[in-house]
Amino acid sequence: MYSRRLFIISTRPEEKFARSVHGSCFDILNIPVTKIIRRPYGEIESEVFPWRYDGIVLTSSAGSSIFLEMAERHALDFHGPAYCIGDKTAEPLRKVGMEVIVPERRETDGLLEIIMEHRKIGSMLLLFRSGKGNPALKSGLERNGFSVNEVVCYNVEPLDNPEMKKQLERRENKGIIFTSSMEVTSFFKFNSPESVQGKKVFAIGNPTKKTLADHGIMVGEPTGRSDFNQLVSDIGKKFCTDSGEWI
């Protein structure tokens, strides 16, 4: 039986969703629209090694976790720096004591800027991420004089989740959060723009916002900066009253 409490839908992959997340007057219901397909370790390692990097660049918590598993398999003596796009990406690395640098602007341009501030031109970087990563990151690094070995550690595939249509139609649903361009593309492969009509649509990052605009969807404020928990908190501050009611 469904709860009658208000809720907002999240479209994150199952592996990235923390079930304890909720707003002050709403719950978060995660309905994945993509699935993560990890590449075999043998394929990844053949592209990474021998180790020759001055730093590693990571753009997702999934990539961070896979990197740490690989490092443990090889007893890799690498303590950083790791340049991470957000705190969730950095969290697994911080737990093992690695030096982590997170930009103030948690998006591709902010990540580029912080790397250019901290690394010498000509530095060798490992860009360790999904096969659907923003190409502007690698091209920006190379354009600014860095050597980059981009290694795809996992791929992201669309997922047709039958629960999505059912939950969008419930009157308790107040909106939906997209956290990547791939999630937007996958969602609209199986759902029409009309399915979110009358809902609050939130996005993390400008690329996600742009992809939604390309589908004719206006994104509401607040907009997240690669920090899902902070976005949920900001939504609560804007739309929840002190008495715990939705405005």
Protein backbone atom coordinates (compact mmCIF):
# COMPACT_ATOMS: atom_id res chain seq x y z
CA MET A 1 0.00 0.00 0.00
CA TYR A 2 1.38 3.42 -0.99
CA SER A 3 2.20 6.11 1.54
CA ARG A 4 0.04 9.26 1.24
CA ARG A 5 3.06 11.49 2.00
CA LEU A 6 4.13 13.84 -0.79
CA PHE A 7 7.14 12.73 -2.80
CA ILE A 8 9.55 13.76 -5.54
CA ILE A 9 10.91 11.21 -7.99
CA SER A 10 14.65 10.76 -8.46
CA THR A 11 15.96 9.06 -11.61
CA ARG A 12 19.39 8.01 -10.28
CA PRO A 13 20.89 4.58 -11.00
CA GLU A 14 20.16 2.16 -8.15
CA GLU A 15 23.86 2.03 -7.20
CA LYS A 16 24.00 5.79 -6.59
CA PHE A 17 20.87 6.27 -4.52
CA ALA A 18 21.00 6.63 -0.73
CA ARG A 19 17.63 5.52 0.64
CA SER A 20 17.84 7.74 3.70
CA VAL A 21 17.49 10.94 1.64
CA HIS A 22 14.27 12.91 2.06
CA GLY A 23 13.04 16.49 2.25
CA SER A 24 11.43 18.27 5.17
CA CYS A 25 7.92 17.82 3.78
CA PHE A 26 8.40 15.15 1.12
CA ASP A 27 10.02 11.79 0.49
CA ILE A 28 12.35 10.89 -2.36
CA LEU A 29 11.22 7.93 -4.45
CA ASN A 30 14.02 6.65 -6.65
CA ILE A 31 12.96 5.15 -9.98
CA PRO A 32 16.08 4.40 -12.06
CA VAL A 33 15.89 5.14 -15.79
CA THR A 34 19.44 3.95 -16.48
CA LYS A 35 21.55 1.00 -15.43
CA ILE A 36 25.30 0.85 -14.88
CA ILE A 37 27.20 -1.85 -16.78
CA ARG A 38 30.70 -2.25 -15.40
CA ARG A 39 33.48 -3.21 -17.80
CA PRO A 40 35.56 -6.31 -16.94
CA TYR A 41 38.57 -5.48 -14.77
CA GLY A 42 40.95 -7.01 -17.28
CA GLU A 43 39.87 -4.58 -19.99
CA ILE A 44 40.05 -1.55 -17.67
CA GLU A 45 43.44 -2.45 -16.22
CA SER A 46 45.01 -3.02 -19.62
CA GLU A 47 44.15 0.60 -20.49
CA VAL A 48 45.21 2.10 -17.15
CA PHE A 49 48.56 0.42 -16.49
CA PRO A 50 51.48 0.91 -16.29
CA TRP A 51 50.78 3.63 -13.73
CA ARG A 52 52.25 6.94 -14.93
CA TYR A 53 49.85 9.62 -13.76
CA ASP A 54 50.28 12.89 -11.89
CA GLY A 55 46.62 12.89 -10.90
CA ILE A 56 43.27 11.26 -11.51
CA VAL A 57 40.03 12.94 -12.60
CA LEU A 58 36.72 11.44 -11.44
CA THR A 59 33.17 12.54 -12.23
CA SER A 60 30.97 9.99 -10.41
CA SER A 61 30.83 7.97 -7.20
CA ALA A 62 30.59 4.80 -9.31
CA GLY A 63 33.91 5.65 -10.97
CA SER A 64 35.50 6.37 -7.59
CA SER A 65 34.41 3.02 -6.18
CA ILE A 66 35.66 1.09 -9.21
CA PHE A 67 38.99 2.93 -9.04
CA LEU A 68 39.47 2.03 -5.38
CA GLU A 69 38.69 -1.64 -6.06
CA MET A 70 41.26 -1.64 -8.87
CA ALA A 71 43.83 0.13 -6.68
CA GLU A 72 43.37 -2.50 -3.97
CA ARG A 73 43.77 -5.34 -6.48
CA HIS A 74 47.12 -3.89 -7.55
CA ALA A 75 48.26 -2.63 -4.11
CA LEU A 76 48.61 0.74 -5.84
CA ASP A 77 50.63 3.25 -3.81
CA PHE A 78 48.77 6.34 -4.97
CA HIS A 79 47.59 8.94 -2.46
CA GLY A 80 46.34 11.60 -4.85
CA PRO A 81 45.59 14.13 -5.88
CA ALA A 82 42.18 13.07 -7.17
CA TYR A 83 40.16 15.83 -8.80
CA CYS A 84 36.47 15.11 -8.16
CA ILE A 85 33.45 16.93 -9.55
CA GLY A 86 31.52 16.78 -6.27
CA ASP A 87 31.50 15.62 -2.67
CA LYS A 88 29.71 12.33 -3.40
CA THR A 89 32.38 11.47 -5.95
CA ALA A 90 35.08 12.40 -3.42
CA GLU A 91 33.54 10.58 -0.45
CA PRO A 92 34.91 7.04 -1.10
CA LEU A 93 38.42 8.44 -1.63
CA ARG A 94 38.37 10.60 1.49
CA LYS A 95 37.42 7.57 3.55
CA VAL A 96 40.74 5.91 2.64
CA GLY A 97 42.77 9.06 3.27
CA MET A 98 43.44 10.08 -0.32
CA GLU A 99 44.14 13.71 -1.17
CA VAL A 100 40.99 15.00 -2.88
CA ILE A 101 40.32 18.36 -4.53
CA VAL A 102 36.74 19.42 -5.29
CA PRO A 103 35.99 22.64 -7.20
CA GLU A 104 33.69 25.31 -5.82
CA ARG A 105 31.73 25.14 -9.09
CA ARG A 106 30.74 21.49 -9.24
CA GLU A 107 30.52 21.15 -13.01
CA THR A 108 32.83 20.55 -15.98
CA ASP A 109 34.14 24.15 -16.20
CA GLY A 110 34.78 24.28 -12.46
CA LEU A 111 36.69 21.00 -12.60
CA LEU A 112 38.81 22.29 -15.49
CA GLU A 113 39.63 25.47 -13.59
CA ILE A 114 40.72 23.72 -10.40
CA ILE A 115 42.98 21.31 -12.31
CA MET A 116 44.63 24.20 -14.17
CA GLU A 117 45.24 25.94 -10.83
CA HIS A 118 46.90 22.91 -9.24
CA ARG A 119 48.73 21.09 -12.02
CA LYS A 120 51.55 22.07 -14.33
CA ILE A 121 50.96 22.10 -18.07
CA GLY A 122 52.10 18.77 -19.49
CA SER A 123 50.97 16.77 -16.45
CA MET A 124 49.66 13.29 -17.21
CA LEU A 125 46.10 12.73 -15.99
CA LEU A 126 43.91 9.64 -15.81
CA LEU A 127 40.30 10.51 -16.68
CA PHE A 128 38.35 7.59 -15.23
CA ARG A 129 34.63 7.69 -15.96
CA SER A 130 31.59 6.38 -17.83
CA GLY A 131 31.28 6.00 -21.57
CA LYS A 132 28.69 8.81 -21.56
CA GLY A 133 30.97 11.44 -20.02
CA ASN A 134 30.87 15.04 -21.21
CA PRO A 135 33.47 15.27 -24.06
CA ALA A 136 34.15 18.92 -23.12
CA LEU A 137 36.18 17.79 -20.09
CA LYS A 138 38.79 15.80 -22.04
CA SER A 139 39.00 18.30 -24.89
CA GLY A 140 39.34 21.19 -22.42
CA LEU A 141 42.18 19.49 -20.57
CA GLU A 142 44.04 18.69 -23.80
CA ARG A 143 43.46 22.18 -25.17
CA ASN A 144 45.13 23.58 -22.06
CA GLY A 145 48.24 21.44 -22.45
CA PHE A 146 47.52 18.36 -20.33
CA SER A 147 48.13 14.78 -21.43
CA VAL A 148 44.99 12.72 -20.80
CA ASN A 149 44.37 8.99 -20.79
CA GLU A 150 40.59 8.57 -20.79
CA VAL A 151 39.51 5.15 -19.57
CA VAL A 152 35.87 4.07 -19.58
CA CYS A 153 35.25 2.03 -16.43
CA TYR A 154 31.51 1.55 -16.93
CA ASN A 155 28.77 2.22 -19.43
CA VAL A 156 25.26 3.51 -18.86
CA GLU A 157 22.29 2.00 -20.67
CA PRO A 158 18.65 3.17 -20.87
CA LEU A 159 16.16 1.39 -18.64
CA ASP A 160 12.41 1.26 -19.29
CA ASN A 161 11.01 1.30 -15.76
CA PRO A 162 7.25 0.53 -15.73
CA GLU A 163 6.96 2.09 -12.26
CA MET A 164 7.67 5.57 -13.66
CA LYS A 165 4.35 6.19 -15.41
CA LYS A 166 2.38 4.86 -12.44
CA GLN A 167 4.15 7.10 -9.91
CA LEU A 168 4.08 10.24 -12.08
CA GLU A 169 0.28 9.97 -12.22
CA ARG A 170 -0.15 9.92 -8.44
CA ARG A 171 -1.43 13.18 -6.97
CA GLU A 172 1.13 12.95 -4.15
CA ASN A 173 3.93 13.37 -6.68
CA LYS A 174 5.19 16.95 -6.77
CA GLY A 175 8.12 16.69 -9.14
CA ILE A 176 11.11 14.87 -10.55
CA ILE A 177 14.90 15.27 -10.25
CA PHE A 178 17.25 14.44 -13.12
CA THR A 179 20.95 14.15 -12.23
CA SER A 180 22.52 13.62 -15.67
CA SER A 181 21.90 14.21 -19.36
CA MET A 182 21.83 10.45 -19.91
CA GLU A 183 18.94 10.12 -17.44
CA VAL A 184 17.00 12.78 -19.37
CA THR A 185 17.65 11.08 -22.71
CA SER A 186 16.65 7.68 -21.34
CA PHE A 187 13.51 9.06 -19.66
CA PHE A 188 12.21 10.62 -22.87
CA LYS A 189 12.97 7.49 -24.84
CA PHE A 190 10.11 5.83 -22.94
CA ASN A 191 8.01 8.81 -21.72
CA SER A 192 6.53 11.89 -23.37
CA PRO A 193 7.17 15.51 -22.32
CA GLU A 194 3.49 15.63 -21.35
CA SER A 195 4.15 13.08 -18.60
CA VAL A 196 5.89 15.77 -16.51
CA GLN A 197 3.42 18.53 -17.31
CA GLY A 198 2.35 20.29 -14.12
CA LYS A 199 5.31 18.83 -12.18
CA LYS A 200 8.33 20.64 -10.77
CA VAL A 201 11.37 19.53 -12.79
CA PHE A 202 14.79 19.88 -11.13
CA ALA A 203 18.26 19.23 -12.55
CA ILE A 204 21.84 18.80 -11.40
CA GLY A 205 24.34 20.60 -13.62
CA ASN A 206 24.05 22.79 -16.69
CA PRO A 207 24.45 19.90 -19.21
CA THR A 208 21.41 18.20 -17.65
CA LYS A 209 19.51 21.47 -17.72
CA LYS A 210 20.37 21.97 -21.41
CA THR A 211 19.29 18.45 -22.35
CA LEU A 212 15.93 19.05 -20.66
CA ALA A 213 15.57 22.33 -22.57
CA ASP A 214 16.26 20.42 -25.80
CA HIS A 215 13.17 18.34 -24.95
CA GLY A 216 11.12 21.46 -24.32
CA ILE A 217 11.22 21.18 -20.52
CA MET A 218 11.79 24.25 -18.35
CA VAL A 219 13.84 23.50 -15.23
CA GLY A 220 12.76 24.99 -11.93
CA GLU A 221 14.91 26.50 -9.22
CA PRO A 222 16.85 25.51 -7.23
CA THR A 223 19.37 23.87 -9.56
CA GLY A 224 21.92 21.44 -8.11
CA ARG A 225 25.71 21.46 -8.52
CA SER A 226 26.64 17.76 -8.57
CA ASP A 227 25.38 17.34 -5.00
CA PHE A 228 22.11 15.43 -4.80
CA ASN A 229 21.64 15.75 -1.04
CA GLN A 230 22.17 19.50 -1.14
CA LEU A 231 19.63 19.87 -3.96
CA VAL A 232 17.02 17.94 -1.96
CA SER A 233 17.71 20.21 1.02
CA ASP A 234 17.40 23.34 -1.14
CA ILE A 235 14.09 22.13 -2.59
CA GLY A 236 12.80 21.66 0.96
CA LYS A 237 13.85 25.19 1.93
CA LYS A 238 12.00 26.67 -1.04
CA PHE A 239 8.83 24.58 -1.11
CA CYS A 240 8.25 23.39 2.49
CA THR A 241 6.74 25.59 5.16
CA ASP A 242 8.02 25.65 8.76
CA SER A 243 5.01 23.52 9.71
CA GLY A 244 6.08 20.82 7.21
CA GLU A 245 3.60 21.51 4.41
CA TRP A 246 4.22 21.88 0.68
CA ILE A 247 3.70 25.45 -0.50
